């Protein structure tokens, strides 16, 4: 299985909250990993294009559906895995 690393790129403090920004790096593998293939197949089964998901106002609900279907889990925060899925969809969209 191919694995990915989310590296913290930057963060900024907004009042009492901190917003984190990440960069996605594949662990020595090419960018066509099993996760991307799984998400792509899931979108194709639903007849949805990657660009449609990215532009949908309820995209985070769709990311949650993708997360459940692919079995992805967050190590710290749920938002982290949802943003990871968004990065995978951006790669699929090209």
PDB file of N, CA and C in Angstrom:
ATOM      1  N   UNK A   1       0.835  -1.181   0.000  1.00  0.00           N
ATOM      2  CA  UNK A   1       0.000   0.000   0.000  1.00  0.00           C
ATOM      3  C   UNK A   1       0.876   1.240   0.000  1.00  0.00           C
ATOM      4  N   UNK A   2       0.523   2.182  -0.795  1.00  0.00           N
ATOM      5  CA  UNK A   2       1.259   3.437  -0.859  1.00  0.00           C
ATOM      6  C   UNK A   2       0.776   4.349   0.264  1.00  0.00           C
ATOM      7  N   UNK A   3       1.699   5.078   0.838  1.00  0.00           N
ATOM      8  CA  UNK A   3       1.336   5.946   1.948  1.00  0.00           C
ATOM      9  C   UNK A   3       1.706   7.392   1.647  1.00  0.00           C
ATOM     10  N   UNK A   4       1.035   8.296   2.343  1.00  0.00           N
ATOM     11  CA  UNK A   4       1.237   9.721   2.157  1.00  0.00           C
ATOM     12  C   UNK A   4       1.521  10.370   3.498  1.00  0.00           C
ATOM     13  N   UNK A   5       2.212  11.474   3.448  1.00  0.00           N
ATOM     14  CA  UNK A   5       2.531  12.230   4.650  1.00  0.00           C
ATOM     15  C   UNK A   5       1.977  13.639   4.488  1.00  0.00           C
ATOM     16  N   UNK A   6       1.267  14.095   5.509  1.00  0.00           N
ATOM     17  CA  UNK A   6       0.813  15.479   5.544  1.00  0.00           C
ATOM     18  C   UNK A   6       1.795  16.243   6.405  1.00  0.00           C
ATOM     19  N   UNK A   7       2.541  17.136   5.794  1.00  0.00           N
ATOM     20  CA  UNK A   7       3.509  17.942   6.528  1.00  0.00           C
ATOM     21  C   UNK A   7       2.935  19.332   6.761  1.00  0.00           C
ATOM     22  N   UNK A   8       3.051  19.791   7.987  1.00  0.00           N
ATOM     23  CA  UNK A   8       2.533  21.116   8.293  1.00  0.00           C
ATOM     24  C   UNK A   8       3.352  22.158   7.545  1.00  0.00           C
ATOM     25  N   UNK A   9       2.676  22.924   6.723  1.00  0.00           N
ATOM     26  CA  UNK A   9       3.327  23.942   5.902  1.00  0.00           C
ATOM     27  C   UNK A   9       3.371  25.275   6.650  1.00  0.00           C
ATOM     28  N   UNK A  10       2.263  25.591   7.304  1.00  0.00           N
ATOM     29  CA  UNK A  10       2.163  26.878   7.972  1.00  0.00           C
ATOM     30  C   UNK A  10       0.979  26.818   8.925  1.00  0.00           C
ATOM     31  N   UNK A  11       0.904  27.758   9.835  1.00  0.00           N
ATOM     32  CA  UNK A  11      -0.276  27.913  10.666  1.00  0.00           C
ATOM     33  C   UNK A  11      -0.433  29.383  11.012  1.00  0.00           C
ATOM     34  N   UNK A  12      -1.656  29.725  11.313  1.00  0.00           N
ATOM     35  CA  UNK A  12      -1.904  31.098  11.727  1.00  0.00           C
ATOM     36  C   UNK A  12      -2.969  31.103  12.808  1.00  0.00           C
ATOM     37  N   UNK A  13      -2.828  32.016  13.692  1.00  0.00           N
ATOM     38  CA  UNK A  13      -3.725  32.123  14.829  1.00  0.00           C
ATOM     39  C   UNK A  13      -4.824  33.123  14.501  1.00  0.00           C
ATOM     40  N   UNK A  14      -6.063  32.698  14.707  1.00  0.00           N
ATOM     41  CA  UNK A  14      -7.233  33.542  14.478  1.00  0.00           C
ATOM     42  C   UNK A  14      -8.009  33.622  15.792  1.00  0.00           C
ATOM     43  N   UNK A  15      -7.706  34.625  16.591  1.00  0.00           N
ATOM     44  CA  UNK A  15      -8.358  34.735  17.900  1.00  0.00           C
ATOM     45  C   UNK A  15      -7.909  33.602  18.797  1.00  0.00           C
ATOM     46  N   UNK A  16      -8.859  32.787  19.253  1.00  0.00           N
ATOM     47  CA  UNK A  16      -8.510  31.660  20.109  1.00  0.00           C
ATOM     48  C   UNK A  16      -8.359  30.358  19.322  1.00  0.00           C
ATOM     49  N   UNK A  17      -8.422  30.424  18.001  1.00  0.00           N
ATOM     50  CA  UNK A  17      -8.299  29.236  17.151  1.00  0.00           C
ATOM     51  C   UNK A  17      -7.019  29.314  16.329  1.00  0.00           C
ATOM     52  N   UNK A  18      -6.494  28.155  15.979  1.00  0.00           N
ATOM     53  CA  UNK A  18      -5.320  28.077  15.119  1.00  0.00           C
ATOM     54  C   UNK A  18      -5.705  27.345  13.841  1.00  0.00           C
ATOM     55  N   UNK A  19      -5.353  27.926  12.711  1.00  0.00           N
ATOM     56  CA  UNK A  19      -5.621  27.312  11.411  1.00  0.00           C
ATOM     57  C   UNK A  19      -4.316  26.744  10.875  1.00  0.00           C
ATOM     58  N   UNK A  20      -4.336  25.469  10.473  1.00  0.00           N
ATOM     59  CA  UNK A  20      -3.139  24.799   9.989  1.00  0.00           C
ATOM     60  C   UNK A  20      -3.229  24.600   8.483  1.00  0.00           C
ATOM     61  N   UNK A  21      -2.091  24.701   7.812  1.00  0.00           N
ATOM     62  CA  UNK A  21      -1.988  24.450   6.372  1.00  0.00           C
ATOM     63  C   UNK A  21      -0.985  23.317   6.169  1.00  0.00           C
ATOM     64  N   UNK A  22      -1.312  22.387   5.267  1.00  0.00           N
ATOM     65  CA  UNK A  22      -0.488  21.208   5.072  1.00  0.00           C
ATOM     66  C   UNK A  22      -0.055  21.064   3.627  1.00  0.00           C
ATOM     67  N   UNK A  23       1.053  20.366   3.439  1.00  0.00           N
ATOM     68  CA  UNK A  23       1.490  19.937   2.116  1.00  0.00           C
ATOM     69  C   UNK A  23       1.423  18.422   2.095  1.00  0.00           C
ATOM     70  N   UNK A  24       1.021  17.883   0.985  1.00  0.00           N
ATOM     71  CA  UNK A  24       0.891  16.446   0.825  1.00  0.00           C
ATOM     72  C   UNK A  24       2.134  15.904   0.123  1.00  0.00           C
ATOM     73  N   UNK A  25       2.760  14.903   0.720  1.00  0.00           N
ATOM     74  CA  UNK A  25       3.931  14.275   0.125  1.00  0.00           C
ATOM     75  C   UNK A  25       3.751  12.762   0.144  1.00  0.00           C
ATOM     76  N   UNK A  26       4.035  12.162  -0.974  1.00  0.00           N
ATOM     77  CA  UNK A  26       3.948  10.717  -1.052  1.00  0.00           C
ATOM     78  C   UNK A  26       5.262  10.116  -0.578  1.00  0.00           C
ATOM     79  N   UNK A  27       5.177   9.036   0.141  1.00  0.00           N
ATOM     80  CA  UNK A  27       6.368   8.379   0.674  1.00  0.00           C
ATOM     81  C   UNK A  27       7.097   7.592  -0.413  1.00  0.00           C
ATOM     82  N   UNK A  28       7.862   8.293  -1.211  1.00  0.00           N
ATOM     83  CA  UNK A  28       8.697   7.645  -2.220  1.00  0.00           C
ATOM     84  C   UNK A  28       7.948   6.896  -3.295  1.00  0.00           C
ATOM     85  N   UNK A  29       6.709   7.211  -3.510  1.00  0.00           N
ATOM     86  CA  UNK A  29       5.910   6.509  -4.516  1.00  0.00           C
ATOM     87  C   UNK A  29       5.461   7.513  -5.573  1.00  0.00           C
ATOM     88  N   UNK A  30       4.993   6.989  -6.711  1.00  0.00           N
ATOM     89  CA  UNK A  30       4.458   7.878  -7.722  1.00  0.00           C
ATOM     90  C   UNK A  30       3.082   8.381  -7.305  1.00  0.00           C
ATOM     91  N   UNK A  31       2.595   9.451  -7.920  1.00  0.00           N
ATOM     92  CA  UNK A  31       1.372  10.117  -7.478  1.00  0.00           C
ATOM     93  C   UNK A  31       0.077   9.379  -7.783  1.00  0.00           C
ATOM     94  N   UNK A  32       0.136   8.221  -8.400  1.00  0.00           N
ATOM     95  CA  UNK A  32      -1.085   7.479  -8.714  1.00  0.00           C
ATOM     96  C   UNK A  32      -1.283   6.368  -7.693  1.00  0.00           C
ATOM     97  N   UNK A  33      -1.388   6.763  -6.421  1.00  0.00           N
ATOM     98  CA  UNK A  33      -1.489   5.819  -5.304  1.00  0.00           C
ATOM     99  C   UNK A  33      -2.842   5.147  -5.213  1.00  0.00           C
ATOM    100  N   UNK A  34      -2.911   4.153  -4.350  1.00  0.00           N
ATOM    101  CA  UNK A  34      -4.141   3.390  -4.155  1.00  0.00           C
ATOM    102  C   UNK A  34      -5.281   4.260  -3.650  1.00  0.00           C
ATOM    103  N   UNK A  35      -4.963   5.254  -2.850  1.00  0.00           N
ATOM    104  CA  UNK A  35      -6.008   6.128  -2.321  1.00  0.00           C
ATOM    105  C   UNK A  35      -6.637   6.932  -3.453  1.00  0.00           C
ATOM    106  N   UNK A  36      -5.821   7.469  -4.324  1.00  0.00           N
ATOM    107  CA  UNK A  36      -6.338   8.246  -5.459  1.00  0.00           C
ATOM    108  C   UNK A  36      -7.201   7.362  -6.344  1.00  0.00           C
ATOM    109  N   UNK A  37      -6.739   6.148  -6.603  1.00  0.00           N
ATOM    110  CA  UNK A  37      -7.502   5.214  -7.440  1.00  0.00           C
ATOM    111  C   UNK A  37      -8.836   4.888  -6.781  1.00  0.00           C
ATOM    112  N   UNK A  38      -8.839   4.668  -5.461  1.00  0.00           N
ATOM    113  CA  UNK A  38     -10.081   4.360  -4.743  1.00  0.00           C
ATOM    114  C   UNK A  38     -11.068   5.514  -4.820  1.00  0.00           C
ATOM    115  N   UNK A  39     -10.580   6.730  -4.603  1.00  0.00           N
ATOM    116  CA  UNK A  39     -11.465   7.899  -4.660  1.00  0.00           C
ATOM    117  C   UNK A  39     -11.991   8.091  -6.075  1.00  0.00           C
ATOM    118  N   UNK A  40     -11.128   7.910  -7.062  1.00  0.00           N
ATOM    119  CA  UNK A  40     -11.538   8.069  -8.461  1.00  0.00           C
ATOM    120  C   UNK A  40     -12.625   7.059  -8.825  1.00  0.00           C
ATOM    121  N   UNK A  41     -12.450   5.812  -8.409  1.00  0.00           N
ATOM    122  CA  UNK A  41     -13.454   4.785  -8.683  1.00  0.00           C
ATOM    123  C   UNK A  41     -14.774   5.106  -7.993  1.00  0.00           C
ATOM    124  N   UNK A  42     -14.695   5.603  -6.773  1.00  0.00           N
ATOM    125  CA  UNK A  42     -15.901   5.973  -6.033  1.00  0.00           C
ATOM    126  C   UNK A  42     -16.654   7.098  -6.738  1.00  0.00           C
ATOM    127  N   UNK A  43     -15.928   8.093  -7.229  1.00  0.00           N
ATOM    128  CA  UNK A  43     -16.553   9.192  -7.961  1.00  0.00           C
ATOM    129  C   UNK A  43     -17.179   8.703  -9.260  1.00  0.00           C
ATOM    130  N   UNK A  44     -16.467   7.822  -9.967  1.00  0.00           N
ATOM    131  CA  UNK A  44     -16.983   7.289 -11.233  1.00  0.00           C
ATOM    132  C   UNK A  44     -18.256   6.484 -11.011  1.00  0.00           C
ATOM    133  N   UNK A  45     -18.298   5.675  -9.932  1.00  0.00           N
ATOM    134  CA  UNK A  45     -19.506   4.903  -9.627  1.00  0.00           C
ATOM    135  C   UNK A  45     -20.701   5.819  -9.375  1.00  0.00           C
ATOM    136  N   UNK A  46     -20.445   6.977  -8.784  1.00  0.00           N
ATOM    137  CA  UNK A  46     -21.510   7.932  -8.520  1.00  0.00           C
ATOM    138  C   UNK A  46     -21.802   8.855  -9.688  1.00  0.00           C
ATOM    139  N   UNK A  47     -21.036   8.730 -10.762  1.00  0.00           N
ATOM    140  CA  UNK A  47     -21.216   9.582 -11.932  1.00  0.00           C
ATOM    141  C   UNK A  47     -20.875  11.041 -11.654  1.00  0.00           C
ATOM    142  N   UNK A  48     -19.922  11.260 -10.757  1.00  0.00           N
ATOM    143  CA  UNK A  48     -19.549  12.618 -10.352  1.00  0.00           C
ATOM    144  C   UNK A  48     -18.125  12.897 -10.814  1.00  0.00           C
ATOM    145  N   UNK A  49     -17.903  14.100 -11.311  1.00  0.00           N
ATOM    146  CA  UNK A  49     -16.560  14.501 -11.693  1.00  0.00           C
ATOM    147  C   UNK A  49     -15.892  15.197 -10.511  1.00  0.00           C
ATOM    148  N   UNK A  50     -14.563  15.122 -10.459  1.00  0.00           N
ATOM    149  CA  UNK A  50     -13.811  15.713  -9.354  1.00  0.00           C
ATOM    150  C   UNK A  50     -14.084  17.204  -9.211  1.00  0.00           C
ATOM    151  N   UNK A  51     -14.172  17.918 -10.325  1.00  0.00           N
ATOM    152  CA  UNK A  51     -14.437  19.350 -10.287  1.00  0.00           C
ATOM    153  C   UNK A  51     -15.787  19.689  -9.680  1.00  0.00           C
ATOM    154  N   UNK A  52     -16.768  18.809  -9.894  1.00  0.00           N
ATOM    155  CA  UNK A  52     -18.092  19.031  -9.310  1.00  0.00           C
ATOM    156  C   UNK A  52     -18.034  18.957  -7.786  1.00  0.00           C
ATOM    157  N   UNK A  53     -17.263  18.025  -7.275  1.00  0.00           N
ATOM    158  CA  UNK A  53     -17.140  17.878  -5.821  1.00  0.00           C
ATOM    159  C   UNK A  53     -16.440  19.091  -5.233  1.00  0.00           C
ATOM    160  N   UNK A  54     -15.375  19.534  -5.872  1.00  0.00           N
ATOM    161  CA  UNK A  54     -14.613  20.674  -5.361  1.00  0.00           C
ATOM    162  C   UNK A  54     -15.437  21.961  -5.343  1.00  0.00           C
ATOM    163  N   UNK A  55     -16.350  22.114  -6.296  1.00  0.00           N
ATOM    164  CA  UNK A  55     -17.146  23.335  -6.403  1.00  0.00           C
ATOM    165  C   UNK A  55     -18.488  23.255  -5.690  1.00  0.00           C
ATOM    166  N   UNK A  56     -18.805  22.108  -5.119  1.00  0.00           N
ATOM    167  CA  UNK A  56     -20.080  21.916  -4.435  1.00  0.00           C
ATOM    168  C   UNK A  56     -20.075  22.661  -3.101  1.00  0.00           C
ATOM    169  N   UNK A  57     -21.121  23.440  -2.803  1.00  0.00           N
ATOM    170  CA  UNK A  57     -21.161  24.141  -1.518  1.00  0.00           C
ATOM    171  C   UNK A  57     -21.202  23.191  -0.323  1.00  0.00           C
ATOM    172  N   UNK A  58     -21.660  21.973  -0.529  1.00  0.00           N
ATOM    173  CA  UNK A  58     -21.705  20.970   0.548  1.00  0.00           C
ATOM    174  C   UNK A  58     -20.583  19.948   0.369  1.00  0.00           C
ATOM    175  N   UNK A  59     -19.420  20.401  -0.090  1.00  0.00           N
ATOM    176  CA  UNK A  59     -18.325  19.488  -0.411  1.00  0.00           C
ATOM    177  C   UNK A  59     -17.824  18.710   0.802  1.00  0.00           C
ATOM    178  N   UNK A  60     -17.872  19.292   1.985  1.00  0.00           N
ATOM    179  CA  UNK A  60     -17.367  18.574   3.149  1.00  0.00           C
ATOM    180  C   UNK A  60     -18.239  17.379   3.518  1.00  0.00           C
ATOM    181  N   UNK A  61     -19.529  17.454   3.221  1.00  0.00           N
ATOM    182  CA  UNK A  61     -20.396  16.291   3.412  1.00  0.00           C
ATOM    183  C   UNK A  61     -20.008  15.186   2.428  1.00  0.00           C
ATOM    184  N   UNK A  62     -19.662  15.583   1.206  1.00  0.00           N
ATOM    185  CA  UNK A  62     -19.230  14.598   0.209  1.00  0.00           C
ATOM    186  C   UNK A  62     -17.876  14.005   0.591  1.00  0.00           C
ATOM    187  N   UNK A  63     -16.982  14.844   1.125  1.00  0.00           N
ATOM    188  CA  UNK A  63     -15.684  14.336   1.590  1.00  0.00           C
ATOM    189  C   UNK A  63     -15.890  13.316   2.701  1.00  0.00           C
ATOM    190  N   UNK A  64     -16.842  13.584   3.586  1.00  0.00           N
ATOM    191  CA  UNK A  64     -17.132  12.650   4.682  1.00  0.00           C
ATOM    192  C   UNK A  64     -17.634  11.323   4.125  1.00  0.00           C
ATOM    193  N   UNK A  65     -18.476  11.382   3.102  1.00  0.00           N
ATOM    194  CA  UNK A  65     -18.957  10.152   2.452  1.00  0.00           C
ATOM    195  C   UNK A  65     -17.782   9.386   1.833  1.00  0.00           C
ATOM    196  N   UNK A  66     -16.907  10.101   1.160  1.00  0.00           N
ATOM    197  CA  UNK A  66     -15.722   9.473   0.559  1.00  0.00           C
ATOM    198  C   UNK A  66     -14.847   8.857   1.646  1.00  0.00           C
ATOM    199  N   UNK A  67     -14.687   9.579   2.750  1.00  0.00           N
ATOM    200  CA  UNK A  67     -13.871   9.078   3.857  1.00  0.00           C
ATOM    201  C   UNK A  67     -14.416   7.759   4.384  1.00  0.00           C
ATOM    202  N   UNK A  68     -15.732   7.699   4.579  1.00  0.00           N
ATOM    203  CA  UNK A  68     -16.339   6.467   5.090  1.00  0.00           C
ATOM    204  C   UNK A  68     -16.198   5.321   4.088  1.00  0.00           C
ATOM    205  N   UNK A  69     -16.399   5.610   2.814  1.00  0.00           N
ATOM    206  CA  UNK A  69     -16.342   4.573   1.787  1.00  0.00           C
ATOM    207  C   UNK A  69     -14.922   4.035   1.574  1.00  0.00           C
ATOM    208  N   UNK A  70     -13.927   4.890   1.732  1.00  0.00           N
ATOM    209  CA  UNK A  70     -12.540   4.459   1.514  1.00  0.00           C
ATOM    210  C   UNK A  70     -11.863   3.964   2.789  1.00  0.00           C
ATOM    211  N   UNK A  71     -12.492   4.212   3.947  1.00  0.00           N
ATOM    212  CA  UNK A  71     -11.922   3.741   5.205  1.00  0.00           C
ATOM    213  C   UNK A  71     -10.813   4.618   5.755  1.00  0.00           C
ATOM    214  N   UNK A  72     -10.722   5.857   5.291  1.00  0.00           N
ATOM    215  CA  UNK A  72      -9.697   6.769   5.791  1.00  0.00           C
ATOM    216  C   UNK A  72     -10.106   7.290   7.168  1.00  0.00           C
ATOM    217  N   UNK A  73      -9.138   7.386   8.070  1.00  0.00           N
ATOM    218  CA  UNK A  73      -9.412   7.927   9.393  1.00  0.00           C
ATOM    219  C   UNK A  73      -8.371   8.992   9.731  1.00  0.00           C
ATOM    220  N   UNK A  74      -8.779   9.915  10.561  1.00  0.00           N
ATOM    221  CA  UNK A  74      -7.879  10.987  10.983  1.00  0.00           C
ATOM    222  C   UNK A  74      -7.068  10.529  12.186  1.00  0.00           C
ATOM    223  N   UNK A  75      -5.814  10.952  12.224  1.00  0.00           N
ATOM    224  CA  UNK A  75      -4.991  10.609  13.380  1.00  0.00           C
ATOM    225  C   UNK A  75      -5.206  11.597  14.512  1.00  0.00           C
ATOM    226  N   UNK A  76      -5.492  12.860  14.189  1.00  0.00           N
ATOM    227  CA  UNK A  76      -5.698  13.872  15.226  1.00  0.00           C
ATOM    228  C   UNK A  76      -7.057  14.545  15.101  1.00  0.00           C
ATOM    229  N   UNK A  77      -7.312  15.152  13.967  1.00  0.00           N
ATOM    230  CA  UNK A  77      -8.550  15.908  13.779  1.00  0.00           C
ATOM    231  C   UNK A  77      -9.252  15.448  12.507  1.00  0.00           C
ATOM    232  N   UNK A  78     -10.562  15.403  12.567  1.00  0.00           N
ATOM    233  CA  UNK A  78     -11.352  14.992  11.412  1.00  0.00           C
ATOM    234  C   UNK A  78     -11.106  15.912  10.217  1.00  0.00           C
ATOM    235  N   UNK A  79     -10.900  17.192  10.484  1.00  0.00           N
ATOM    236  CA  UNK A  79     -10.666  18.157   9.411  1.00  0.00           C
ATOM    237  C   UNK A  79      -9.421  17.786   8.600  1.00  0.00           C
ATOM    238  N   UNK A  80      -8.413  17.208   9.271  1.00  0.00           N
ATOM    239  CA  UNK A  80      -7.177  16.838   8.577  1.00  0.00           C
ATOM    240  C   UNK A  80      -7.445  15.831   7.466  1.00  0.00           C
ATOM    241  N   UNK A  81      -8.227  14.808   7.751  1.00  0.00           N
ATOM    242  CA  UNK A  81      -8.491  13.783   6.733  1.00  0.00           C
ATOM    243  C   UNK A  81      -9.387  14.343   5.633  1.00  0.00           C
ATOM    244  N   UNK A  82     -10.292  15.258   5.974  1.00  0.00           N
ATOM    245  CA  UNK A  82     -11.140  15.861   4.943  1.00  0.00           C
ATOM    246  C   UNK A  82     -10.322  16.742   4.005  1.00  0.00           C
ATOM    247  N   UNK A  83      -9.362  17.462   4.542  1.00  0.00           N
ATOM    248  CA  UNK A  83      -8.485  18.275   3.695  1.00  0.00           C
ATOM    249  C   UNK A  83      -7.562  17.380   2.849  1.00  0.00           C
ATOM    250  N   UNK A  84      -7.156  16.247   3.389  1.00  0.00           N
ATOM    251  CA  UNK A  84      -6.372  15.271   2.643  1.00  0.00           C
ATOM    252  C   UNK A  84      -7.177  14.778   1.441  1.00  0.00           C
ATOM    253  N   UNK A  85      -8.453  14.475   1.668  1.00  0.00           N
ATOM    254  CA  UNK A  85      -9.324  14.025   0.578  1.00  0.00           C
ATOM    255  C   UNK A  85      -9.458  15.123  -0.474  1.00  0.00           C
ATOM    256  N   UNK A  86      -9.566  16.365  -0.031  1.00  0.00           N
ATOM    257  CA  UNK A  86      -9.650  17.469  -0.983  1.00  0.00           C
ATOM    258  C   UNK A  86      -8.391  17.536  -1.848  1.00  0.00           C
ATOM    259  N   UNK A  87      -7.236  17.348  -1.257  1.00  0.00           N
ATOM    260  CA  UNK A  87      -5.982  17.354  -2.032  1.00  0.00           C
ATOM    261  C   UNK A  87      -5.961  16.198  -3.027  1.00  0.00           C
ATOM    262  N   UNK A  88      -6.450  15.023  -2.628  1.00  0.00           N
ATOM    263  CA  UNK A  88      -6.506  13.879  -3.544  1.00  0.00           C
ATOM    264  C   UNK A  88      -7.436  14.182  -4.717  1.00  0.00           C
ATOM    265  N   UNK A  89      -8.569  14.831  -4.445  1.00  0.00           N
ATOM    266  CA  UNK A  89      -9.512  15.166  -5.512  1.00  0.00           C
ATOM    267  C   UNK A  89      -8.905  16.202  -6.455  1.00  0.00           C
ATOM    268  N   UNK A  90      -8.136  17.136  -5.917  1.00  0.00           N
ATOM    269  CA  UNK A  90      -7.454  18.111  -6.779  1.00  0.00           C
ATOM    270  C   UNK A  90      -6.456  17.417  -7.701  1.00  0.00           C
ATOM    271  N   UNK A  91      -5.770  16.396  -7.208  1.00  0.00           N
ATOM    272  CA  UNK A  91      -4.847  15.619  -8.039  1.00  0.00           C
ATOM    273  C   UNK A  91      -5.611  14.880  -9.130  1.00  0.00           C
ATOM    274  N   UNK A  92      -6.758  14.315  -8.769  1.00  0.00           N
ATOM    275  CA  UNK A  92      -7.586  13.601  -9.755  1.00  0.00           C
ATOM    276  C   UNK A  92      -8.055  14.554 -10.841  1.00  0.00           C
ATOM    277  N   UNK A  93      -8.476  15.743 -10.420  1.00  0.00           N
ATOM    278  CA  UNK A  93      -8.979  16.725 -11.386  1.00  0.00           C
ATOM    279  C   UNK A  93      -7.872  17.150 -12.349  1.00  0.00           C
ATOM    280  N   UNK A  94      -6.662  17.157 -11.854  1.00  0.00           N
ATOM    281  CA  UNK A  94      -5.516  17.495 -12.706  1.00  0.00           C
ATOM    282  C   UNK A  94      -5.308  18.948 -12.775  1.00  0.00           C
TER     283      UNK A  94
END
